[in-house]
Every structure is written in structure tokens, then in C-alpha cells.
Full PDB file with SEQRES, HELIX, SHEET, SSBOND, CRYST1, ORIGX, SCALE, CONECT and MASTER records, all heavy atoms in Angstrom:
SEQRES   1 A   34  VAL ALA LEU ILE ALA GLU GLY VAL GLU ILE LEU GLN ALA          
SEQRES   2 A   34  ALA LEU ALA ARG ASP ARG LEU GLY GLU PHE GLN ALA GLN          
SEQRES   3 A   34  ALA ALA ILE ALA ALA LEU HIS ALA                              
HELIX    1 AA1 ALA A    2  LEU A   15  1                                  14    
HELIX    2 AA2 GLU A   22  HIS A   33  1                                  12    
CRYST1    1.000    1.000    1.000  90.00  90.00  90.00 P 1           1          
ORIGX1      1.000000  0.000000  0.000000        0.00000                         
ORIGX2      0.000000  1.000000  0.000000        0.00000                         
ORIGX3      0.000000  0.000000  1.000000        0.00000                         
SCALE1      1.000000  0.000000  0.000000        0.00000                         
SCALE2      0.000000  1.000000  0.000000        0.00000                         
SCALE3      0.000000  0.000000  1.000000        0.00000                         
ATOM      1  N   VAL A   1       9.455  -4.851 -22.384  1.00  0.00           N  
ATOM      2  CA  VAL A   1       8.178  -4.744 -23.090  1.00  0.00           C  
ATOM      3  C   VAL A   1       6.995  -4.836 -22.126  1.00  0.00           C  
ATOM      4  O   VAL A   1       5.923  -4.255 -22.393  1.00  0.00           O  
ATOM      5  CB  VAL A   1       8.064  -5.817 -24.202  1.00  0.00           C  
ATOM      6  CG1 VAL A   1       9.071  -5.555 -25.299  1.00  0.00           C  
ATOM      7  CG2 VAL A   1       8.240  -7.222 -23.627  1.00  0.00           C  
ATOM      8  N   ALA A   2       7.143  -5.546 -21.012  1.00  0.00           N  
ATOM      9  CA  ALA A   2       6.054  -5.648 -20.046  1.00  0.00           C  
ATOM     10  C   ALA A   2       5.780  -4.301 -19.396  1.00  0.00           C  
ATOM     11  O   ALA A   2       4.617  -3.890 -19.244  1.00  0.00           O  
ATOM     12  CB  ALA A   2       6.371  -6.710 -18.993  1.00  0.00           C  
ATOM     13  N   LEU A   3       6.853  -3.600 -19.019  1.00  0.00           N  
ATOM     14  CA  LEU A   3       6.677  -2.260 -18.434  1.00  0.00           C  
ATOM     15  C   LEU A   3       6.097  -1.300 -19.457  1.00  0.00           C  
ATOM     16  O   LEU A   3       5.248  -0.444 -19.128  1.00  0.00           O  
ATOM     17  CB  LEU A   3       8.007  -1.726 -17.907  1.00  0.00           C  
ATOM     18  CG  LEU A   3       8.505  -2.276 -16.563  1.00  0.00           C  
ATOM     19  CD1 LEU A   3       9.799  -1.577 -16.171  1.00  0.00           C  
ATOM     20  CD2 LEU A   3       7.466  -2.122 -15.482  1.00  0.00           C  
ATOM     21  N   ILE A   4       6.556  -1.392 -20.715  1.00  0.00           N  
ATOM     22  CA  ILE A   4       6.026  -0.525 -21.760  1.00  0.00           C  
ATOM     23  C   ILE A   4       4.527  -0.787 -21.956  1.00  0.00           C  
ATOM     24  O   ILE A   4       3.721   0.162 -22.020  1.00  0.00           O  
ATOM     25  CB  ILE A   4       6.780  -0.736 -23.086  1.00  0.00           C  
ATOM     26  CG1 ILE A   4       8.220  -0.193 -22.966  1.00  0.00           C  
ATOM     27  CG2 ILE A   4       6.064  -0.044 -24.253  1.00  0.00           C  
ATOM     28  CD1 ILE A   4       9.105  -0.511 -24.142  1.00  0.00           C  
ATOM     29  N   ALA A   5       4.145  -2.052 -22.037  1.00  0.00           N  
ATOM     30  CA  ALA A   5       2.729  -2.380 -22.231  1.00  0.00           C  
ATOM     31  C   ALA A   5       1.880  -1.872 -21.078  1.00  0.00           C  
ATOM     32  O   ALA A   5       0.787  -1.320 -21.274  1.00  0.00           O  
ATOM     33  CB  ALA A   5       2.571  -3.895 -22.389  1.00  0.00           C  
ATOM     34  N   GLU A   6       2.387  -2.041 -19.856  1.00  0.00           N  
ATOM     35  CA  GLU A   6       1.636  -1.562 -18.694  1.00  0.00           C  
ATOM     36  C   GLU A   6       1.521  -0.045 -18.720  1.00  0.00           C  
ATOM     37  O   GLU A   6       0.453   0.528 -18.460  1.00  0.00           O  
ATOM     38  CB  GLU A   6       2.294  -2.012 -17.397  1.00  0.00           C  
ATOM     39  CG  GLU A   6       1.494  -1.637 -16.168  1.00  0.00           C  
ATOM     40  CD  GLU A   6       2.221  -1.927 -14.866  1.00  0.00           C  
ATOM     41  OE1 GLU A   6       3.387  -2.379 -14.885  1.00  0.00           O  
ATOM     42  OE2 GLU A   6       1.591  -1.722 -13.793  1.00  0.00           O  
ATOM     43  N   GLY A   7       2.640   0.631 -19.035  1.00  0.00           N  
ATOM     44  CA  GLY A   7       2.622   2.094 -19.086  1.00  0.00           C  
ATOM     45  C   GLY A   7       1.661   2.623 -20.127  1.00  0.00           C  
ATOM     46  O   GLY A   7       0.906   3.584 -19.885  1.00  0.00           O  
ATOM     47  N   VAL A   8       1.647   2.023 -21.324  1.00  0.00           N  
ATOM     48  CA  VAL A   8       0.750   2.455 -22.402  1.00  0.00           C  
ATOM     49  C   VAL A   8      -0.710   2.230 -22.008  1.00  0.00           C  
ATOM     50  O   VAL A   8      -1.569   3.093 -22.234  1.00  0.00           O  
ATOM     51  CB  VAL A   8       1.094   1.728 -23.712  1.00  0.00           C  
ATOM     52  CG1 VAL A   8       0.007   1.955 -24.753  1.00  0.00           C  
ATOM     53  CG2 VAL A   8       2.451   2.192 -24.249  1.00  0.00           C  
ATOM     54  N   GLU A   9      -0.985   1.100 -21.392  1.00  0.00           N  
ATOM     55  CA  GLU A   9      -2.360   0.802 -20.972  1.00  0.00           C  
ATOM     56  C   GLU A   9      -2.852   1.813 -19.941  1.00  0.00           C  
ATOM     57  O   GLU A   9      -3.987   2.327 -20.027  1.00  0.00           O  
ATOM     58  CB  GLU A   9      -2.440  -0.610 -20.403  1.00  0.00           C  
ATOM     59  CG  GLU A   9      -3.853  -1.014 -19.978  1.00  0.00           C  
ATOM     60  CD  GLU A   9      -3.898  -2.436 -19.405  1.00  0.00           C  
ATOM     61  OE1 GLU A   9      -2.847  -3.089 -19.337  1.00  0.00           O  
ATOM     62  OE2 GLU A   9      -5.007  -2.873 -19.024  1.00  0.00           O  
ATOM     63  N   ILE A  10      -2.009   2.126 -18.964  1.00  0.00           N  
ATOM     64  CA  ILE A  10      -2.380   3.111 -17.934  1.00  0.00           C  
ATOM     65  C   ILE A  10      -2.573   4.484 -18.567  1.00  0.00           C  
ATOM     66  O   ILE A  10      -3.533   5.205 -18.243  1.00  0.00           O  
ATOM     67  CB  ILE A  10      -1.307   3.154 -16.839  1.00  0.00           C  
ATOM     68  CG1 ILE A  10      -1.284   1.847 -16.052  1.00  0.00           C  
ATOM     69  CG2 ILE A  10      -1.531   4.339 -15.894  1.00  0.00           C  
ATOM     70  CD1 ILE A  10      -0.112   1.705 -15.106  1.00  0.00           C  
ATOM     71  N   LEU A  11      -1.688   4.856 -19.501  1.00  0.00           N  
ATOM     72  CA  LEU A  11      -1.785   6.156 -20.158  1.00  0.00           C  
ATOM     73  C   LEU A  11      -3.071   6.263 -20.971  1.00  0.00           C  
ATOM     74  O   LEU A  11      -3.760   7.295 -20.922  1.00  0.00           O  
ATOM     75  CB  LEU A  11      -0.575   6.365 -21.065  1.00  0.00           C  
ATOM     76  CG  LEU A  11      -0.617   7.604 -21.962  1.00  0.00           C  
ATOM     77  CD1 LEU A  11      -0.657   8.872 -21.130  1.00  0.00           C  
ATOM     78  CD2 LEU A  11       0.576   7.617 -22.918  1.00  0.00           C  
ATOM     79  N   GLN A  12      -3.398   5.248 -21.758  1.00  0.00           N  
ATOM     80  CA  GLN A  12      -4.597   5.301 -22.582  1.00  0.00           C  
ATOM     81  C   GLN A  12      -5.854   5.472 -21.728  1.00  0.00           C  
ATOM     82  O   GLN A  12      -6.754   6.239 -22.089  1.00  0.00           O  
ATOM     83  CB  GLN A  12      -4.695   4.035 -23.431  1.00  0.00           C  
ATOM     84  CG  GLN A  12      -3.663   3.978 -24.559  1.00  0.00           C  
ATOM     85  CD  GLN A  12      -3.676   2.659 -25.301  1.00  0.00           C  
ATOM     86  OE1 GLN A  12      -4.158   1.649 -24.798  1.00  0.00           O  
ATOM     87  NE2 GLN A  12      -3.128   2.661 -26.526  1.00  0.00           N  
ATOM     88  N   ALA A  13      -5.900   4.804 -20.593  1.00  0.00           N  
ATOM     89  CA  ALA A  13      -7.056   4.937 -19.701  1.00  0.00           C  
ATOM     90  C   ALA A  13      -7.129   6.361 -19.137  1.00  0.00           C  
ATOM     91  O   ALA A  13      -8.232   6.933 -19.007  1.00  0.00           O  
ATOM     92  CB  ALA A  13      -6.965   3.934 -18.566  1.00  0.00           C  
ATOM     93  N   ALA A  14      -5.988   6.948 -18.822  1.00  0.00           N  
ATOM     94  CA  ALA A  14      -5.971   8.321 -18.287  1.00  0.00           C  
ATOM     95  C   ALA A  14      -6.385   9.325 -19.353  1.00  0.00           C  
ATOM     96  O   ALA A  14      -7.192  10.235 -19.095  1.00  0.00           O  
ATOM     97  CB  ALA A  14      -4.585   8.645 -17.746  1.00  0.00           C  
ATOM     98  N   LEU A  15      -5.843   9.195 -20.560  1.00  0.00           N  
ATOM     99  CA  LEU A  15      -6.175  10.126 -21.642  1.00  0.00           C  
ATOM    100  C   LEU A  15      -7.653  10.060 -22.018  1.00  0.00           C  
ATOM    101  O   LEU A  15      -8.252  11.067 -22.418  1.00  0.00           O  
ATOM    102  CB  LEU A  15      -5.315   9.839 -22.881  1.00  0.00           C  
ATOM    103  CG  LEU A  15      -3.815  10.158 -22.763  1.00  0.00           C  
ATOM    104  CD1 LEU A  15      -3.070   9.693 -23.995  1.00  0.00           C  
ATOM    105  CD2 LEU A  15      -3.592  11.654 -22.531  1.00  0.00           C  
ATOM    106  N   ALA A  16      -8.261   8.875 -21.880  1.00  0.00           N  
ATOM    107  CA  ALA A  16      -9.667   8.705 -22.234  1.00  0.00           C  
ATOM    108  C   ALA A  16     -10.585   9.541 -21.342  1.00  0.00           C  
ATOM    109  O   ALA A  16     -11.743   9.798 -21.708  1.00  0.00           O  
ATOM    110  CB  ALA A  16     -10.047   7.229 -22.131  1.00  0.00           C  
ATOM    111  N   ARG A  17     -10.081   9.983 -20.195  1.00  0.00           N  
ATOM    112  CA  ARG A  17     -10.894  10.776 -19.279  1.00  0.00           C  
ATOM    113  C   ARG A  17     -10.925  12.249 -19.676  1.00  0.00           C  
ATOM    114  O   ARG A  17     -11.629  13.043 -19.068  1.00  0.00           O  
ATOM    115  CB  ARG A  17     -10.380  10.604 -17.849  1.00  0.00           C  
ATOM    116  CG  ARG A  17     -10.424   9.153 -17.394  1.00  0.00           C  
ATOM    117  CD  ARG A  17      -9.825   8.949 -16.029  1.00  0.00           C  
ATOM    118  NE  ARG A  17     -10.600   9.611 -14.991  1.00  0.00           N  
ATOM    119  CZ  ARG A  17     -10.340   9.516 -13.698  1.00  0.00           C  
ATOM    120  NH1 ARG A  17      -9.321   8.772 -13.290  1.00  0.00           N  
ATOM    121  NH2 ARG A  17     -11.086  10.133 -12.809  1.00  0.00           N  
ATOM    122  N   ASP A  18     -10.111  12.634 -20.674  1.00  0.00           N  
ATOM    123  CA  ASP A  18     -10.138  13.994 -21.236  1.00  0.00           C  
ATOM    124  C   ASP A  18      -9.865  15.070 -20.183  1.00  0.00           C  
ATOM    125  O   ASP A  18     -10.525  16.112 -20.149  1.00  0.00           O  
ATOM    126  CB  ASP A  18     -11.471  14.246 -21.930  1.00  0.00           C  
ATOM    127  CG  ASP A  18     -11.395  15.424 -22.921  1.00  0.00           C  
ATOM    128  OD1 ASP A  18     -10.275  15.705 -23.397  1.00  0.00           O  
ATOM    129  OD2 ASP A  18     -12.428  16.041 -23.194  1.00  0.00           O  
ATOM    130  N   ARG A  19      -8.920  14.777 -19.302  1.00  0.00           N  
ATOM    131  CA  ARG A  19      -8.479  15.768 -18.312  1.00  0.00           C  
ATOM    132  C   ARG A  19      -6.948  15.823 -18.397  1.00  0.00           C  
ATOM    133  O   ARG A  19      -6.230  15.398 -17.514  1.00  0.00           O  
ATOM    134  CB  ARG A  19      -8.936  15.385 -16.905  1.00  0.00           C  
ATOM    135  CG  ARG A  19     -10.434  15.508 -16.686  1.00  0.00           C  
ATOM    136  CD  ARG A  19     -10.863  14.863 -15.384  1.00  0.00           C  
ATOM    137  NE  ARG A  19     -10.120  15.391 -14.222  1.00  0.00           N  
ATOM    138  CZ  ARG A  19     -10.141  14.821 -13.021  1.00  0.00           C  
ATOM    139  NH1 ARG A  19     -10.835  13.694 -12.832  1.00  0.00           N  
ATOM    140  NH2 ARG A  19      -9.466  15.345 -12.021  1.00  0.00           N  
ATOM    141  N   LEU A  20      -6.467  16.372 -19.515  1.00  0.00           N  
ATOM    142  CA  LEU A  20      -5.039  16.331 -19.830  1.00  0.00           C  
ATOM    143  C   LEU A  20      -4.229  17.154 -18.828  1.00  0.00           C  
ATOM    144  O   LEU A  20      -4.600  18.273 -18.474  1.00  0.00           O  
ATOM    145  CB  LEU A  20      -4.787  16.856 -21.246  1.00  0.00           C  
ATOM    146  CG  LEU A  20      -3.337  16.793 -21.735  1.00  0.00           C  
ATOM    147  CD1 LEU A  20      -2.866  15.353 -21.837  1.00  0.00           C  
ATOM    148  CD2 LEU A  20      -3.199  17.489 -23.092  1.00  0.00           C  
ATOM    149  N   GLY A  21      -3.120  16.588 -18.390  1.00  0.00           N  
ATOM    150  CA  GLY A  21      -2.157  17.285 -17.538  1.00  0.00           C  
ATOM    151  C   GLY A  21      -0.763  17.044 -18.055  1.00  0.00           C  
ATOM    152  O   GLY A  21      -0.545  16.252 -18.986  1.00  0.00           O  
ATOM    153  N   GLU A  22       0.208  17.704 -17.424  1.00  0.00           N  
ATOM    154  CA  GLU A  22       1.576  17.641 -17.958  1.00  0.00           C  
ATOM    155  C   GLU A  22       2.176  16.238 -17.898  1.00  0.00           C  
ATOM    156  O   GLU A  22       2.935  15.854 -18.792  1.00  0.00           O  
ATOM    157  CB  GLU A  22       2.483  18.624 -17.227  1.00  0.00           C  
ATOM    158  CG  GLU A  22       2.673  18.359 -15.750  1.00  0.00           C  
ATOM    159  CD  GLU A  22       3.754  19.263 -15.154  1.00  0.00           C  
ATOM    160  OE1 GLU A  22       4.932  19.144 -15.577  1.00  0.00           O  
ATOM    161  OE2 GLU A  22       3.425  20.078 -14.275  1.00  0.00           O  
ATOM    162  N   PHE A  23       1.850  15.458 -16.873  1.00  0.00           N  
ATOM    163  CA  PHE A  23       2.444  14.124 -16.786  1.00  0.00           C  
ATOM    164  C   PHE A  23       1.870  13.191 -17.852  1.00  0.00           C  
ATOM    165  O   PHE A  23       2.580  12.356 -18.409  1.00  0.00           O  
ATOM    166  CB  PHE A  23       2.255  13.540 -15.388  1.00  0.00           C  
ATOM    167  CG  PHE A  23       2.988  14.295 -14.321  1.00  0.00           C  
ATOM    168  CD1 PHE A  23       2.329  14.856 -13.246  1.00  0.00           C  
ATOM    169  CD2 PHE A  23       4.369  14.477 -14.408  1.00  0.00           C  
ATOM    170  CE1 PHE A  23       3.024  15.558 -12.274  1.00  0.00           C  
ATOM    171  CE2 PHE A  23       5.064  15.193 -13.455  1.00  0.00           C  
ATOM    172  CZ  PHE A  23       4.388  15.740 -12.384  1.00  0.00           C  
ATOM    173  N   GLN A  24       0.588  13.350 -18.162  1.00  0.00           N  
ATOM    174  CA  GLN A  24       0.014  12.563 -19.251  1.00  0.00           C  
ATOM    175  C   GLN A  24       0.676  12.940 -20.582  1.00  0.00           C  
ATOM    176  O   GLN A  24       0.973  12.065 -21.404  1.00  0.00           O  
ATOM    177  CB  GLN A  24      -1.491  12.783 -19.330  1.00  0.00           C  
ATOM    178  CG  GLN A  24      -2.274  12.276 -18.130  1.00  0.00           C  
ATOM    179  CD  GLN A  24      -3.708  12.767 -18.164  1.00  0.00           C  
ATOM    180  OE1 GLN A  24      -4.486  12.312 -19.000  1.00  0.00           O  
ATOM    181  NE2 GLN A  24      -4.037  13.684 -17.281  1.00  0.00           N  
ATOM    182  N   ALA A  25       0.904  14.241 -20.788  1.00  0.00           N  
ATOM    183  CA  ALA A  25       1.540  14.685 -22.038  1.00  0.00           C  
ATOM    184  C   ALA A  25       2.964  14.145 -22.148  1.00  0.00           C  
ATOM    185  O   ALA A  25       3.393  13.686 -23.221  1.00  0.00           O  
ATOM    186  CB  ALA A  25       1.530  16.208 -22.114  1.00  0.00           C  
ATOM    187  N   GLN A  26       3.699  14.191 -21.054  1.00  0.00           N  
ATOM    188  CA  GLN A  26       5.069  13.643 -21.073  1.00  0.00           C  
ATOM    189  C   GLN A  26       5.050  12.147 -21.326  1.00  0.00           C  
ATOM    190  O   GLN A  26       5.891  11.604 -22.051  1.00  0.00           O  
ATOM    191  CB  GLN A  26       5.767  13.928 -19.747  1.00  0.00           C  
ATOM    192  CG  GLN A  26       6.180  15.376 -19.547  1.00  0.00           C  
ATOM    193  CD  GLN A  26       7.104  15.522 -18.364  1.00  0.00           C  
ATOM    194  OE1 GLN A  26       8.134  14.880 -18.273  1.00  0.00           O  
ATOM    195  NE2 GLN A  26       6.727  16.379 -17.437  1.00  0.00           N  
ATOM    196  N   ALA A  27       4.073  11.454 -20.723  1.00  0.00           N  
ATOM    197  CA  ALA A  27       3.973  10.013 -20.928  1.00  0.00           C  
ATOM    198  C   ALA A  27       3.637   9.703 -22.386  1.00  0.00           C  
ATOM    199  O   ALA A  27       4.107   8.702 -22.946  1.00  0.00           O  
ATOM    200  CB  ALA A  27       2.913   9.424 -20.003  1.00  0.00           C  
ATOM    201  N   ALA A  28       2.803  10.540 -23.023  1.00  0.00           N  
ATOM    202  CA  ALA A  28       2.472  10.331 -24.432  1.00  0.00           C  
ATOM    203  C   ALA A  28       3.725  10.438 -25.309  1.00  0.00           C  
ATOM    204  O   ALA A  28       3.895   9.661 -26.263  1.00  0.00           O  
ATOM    205  CB  ALA A  28       1.429  11.343 -24.870  1.00  0.00           C  
ATOM    206  N   ILE A  29       4.607  11.373 -24.991  1.00  0.00           N  
ATOM    207  CA  ILE A  29       5.868  11.498 -25.730  1.00  0.00           C  
ATOM    208  C   ILE A  29       6.720  10.259 -25.525  1.00  0.00           C  
ATOM    209  O   ILE A  29       7.280   9.696 -26.490  1.00  0.00           O  
ATOM    210  CB  ILE A  29       6.618  12.775 -25.285  1.00  0.00           C  
ATOM    211  CG1 ILE A  29       5.828  14.025 -25.698  1.00  0.00           C  
ATOM    212  CG2 ILE A  29       8.031  12.797 -25.862  1.00  0.00           C  
ATOM    213  CD1 ILE A  29       6.340  15.312 -25.088  1.00  0.00           C  
ATOM    214  N   ALA A  30       6.813   9.803 -24.282  1.00  0.00           N  
ATOM    215  CA  ALA A  30       7.602   8.589 -23.992  1.00  0.00           C  
ATOM    216  C   ALA A  30       7.008   7.380 -24.705  1.00  0.00           C  
ATOM    217  O   ALA A  30       7.754   6.503 -25.187  1.00  0.00           O  
ATOM    218  CB  ALA A  30       7.645   8.353 -22.479  1.00  0.00           C  
ATOM    219  N   ALA A  31       5.688   7.319 -24.789  1.00  0.00           N  
ATOM    220  CA  ALA A  31       5.043   6.188 -25.463  1.00  0.00           C  
ATOM    221  C   ALA A  31       5.353   6.192 -26.960  1.00  0.00           C  
ATOM    222  O   ALA A  31       5.527   5.119 -27.571  1.00  0.00           O  
ATOM    223  CB  ALA A  31       3.538   6.236 -25.232  1.00  0.00           C  
ATOM    224  N   LEU A  32       5.414   7.359 -27.571  1.00  0.00           N  
ATOM    225  CA  LEU A  32       5.755   7.440 -28.999  1.00  0.00           C  
ATOM    226  C   LEU A  32       7.185   6.967 -29.246  1.00  0.00           C  
ATOM    227  O   LEU A  32       7.460   6.299 -30.257  1.00  0.00           O  
ATOM    228  CB  LEU A  32       5.566   8.877 -29.500  1.00  0.00           C  
ATOM    229  CG  LEU A  32       4.107   9.317 -29.680  1.00  0.00           C  
ATOM    230  CD1 LEU A  32       4.019  10.822 -29.872  1.00  0.00           C  
ATOM    231  CD2 LEU A  32       3.477   8.587 -30.864  1.00  0.00           C  
ATOM    232  N   HIS A  33       8.094   7.292 -28.343  1.00  0.00           N  
ATOM    233  CA  HIS A  33       9.466   6.756 -28.467  1.00  0.00           C  
ATOM    234  C   HIS A  33       9.457   5.238 -28.312  1.00  0.00           C  
ATOM    235  O   HIS A  33      10.118   4.523 -29.074  1.00  0.00           O  
ATOM    236  CB  HIS A  33      10.372   7.384 -27.410  1.00  0.00           C  
ATOM    237  CG  HIS A  33      10.796   8.781 -27.731  1.00  0.00           C  
ATOM    238  ND1 HIS A  33      11.540   9.094 -28.829  1.00  0.00           N  
ATOM    239  CD2 HIS A  33      10.577   9.953 -27.065  1.00  0.00           C  
ATOM    240  CE1 HIS A  33      11.781  10.408 -28.849  1.00  0.00           C  
ATOM    241  NE2 HIS A  33      11.204  10.949 -27.784  1.00  0.00           N  
ATOM    242  N   ALA A  34       8.694   4.755 -27.345  1.00  0.00           N  
ATOM    243  CA  ALA A  34       8.654   3.299 -27.095  1.00  0.00           C  
ATOM    244  C   ALA A  34       8.008   2.552 -28.248  1.00  0.00           C  
ATOM    245  O   ALA A  34       8.337   1.380 -28.489  1.00  0.00           O  
ATOM    246  CB  ALA A  34       7.891   3.017 -25.798  1.00  0.00           C  
TER     247      ALA A  34                                                      
MASTER        0    0    0    2    0    0    0    6  246    1    0    3          
END                                                                             
């Protein structure tokens, strides 16, 4: 859960910049599974 929380926090900060790329999109899918 610590890695999941860290990953989600990093992803949310990246998505907030509105410069979507493939790794952010893949991370969003992984976050929905988590």
C-alpha cells in the first residue's frame, strides 16, 4: 500500500500538469486496478 500511495500521488501531480503521455496513461490504468 505504501508503494501504491506513492505511485498515485506522483501520478496525480503529473496529470495535473495537463501534458498527457503514454506512461501517465498506463499509470492511470494501473492505478484503477490498484
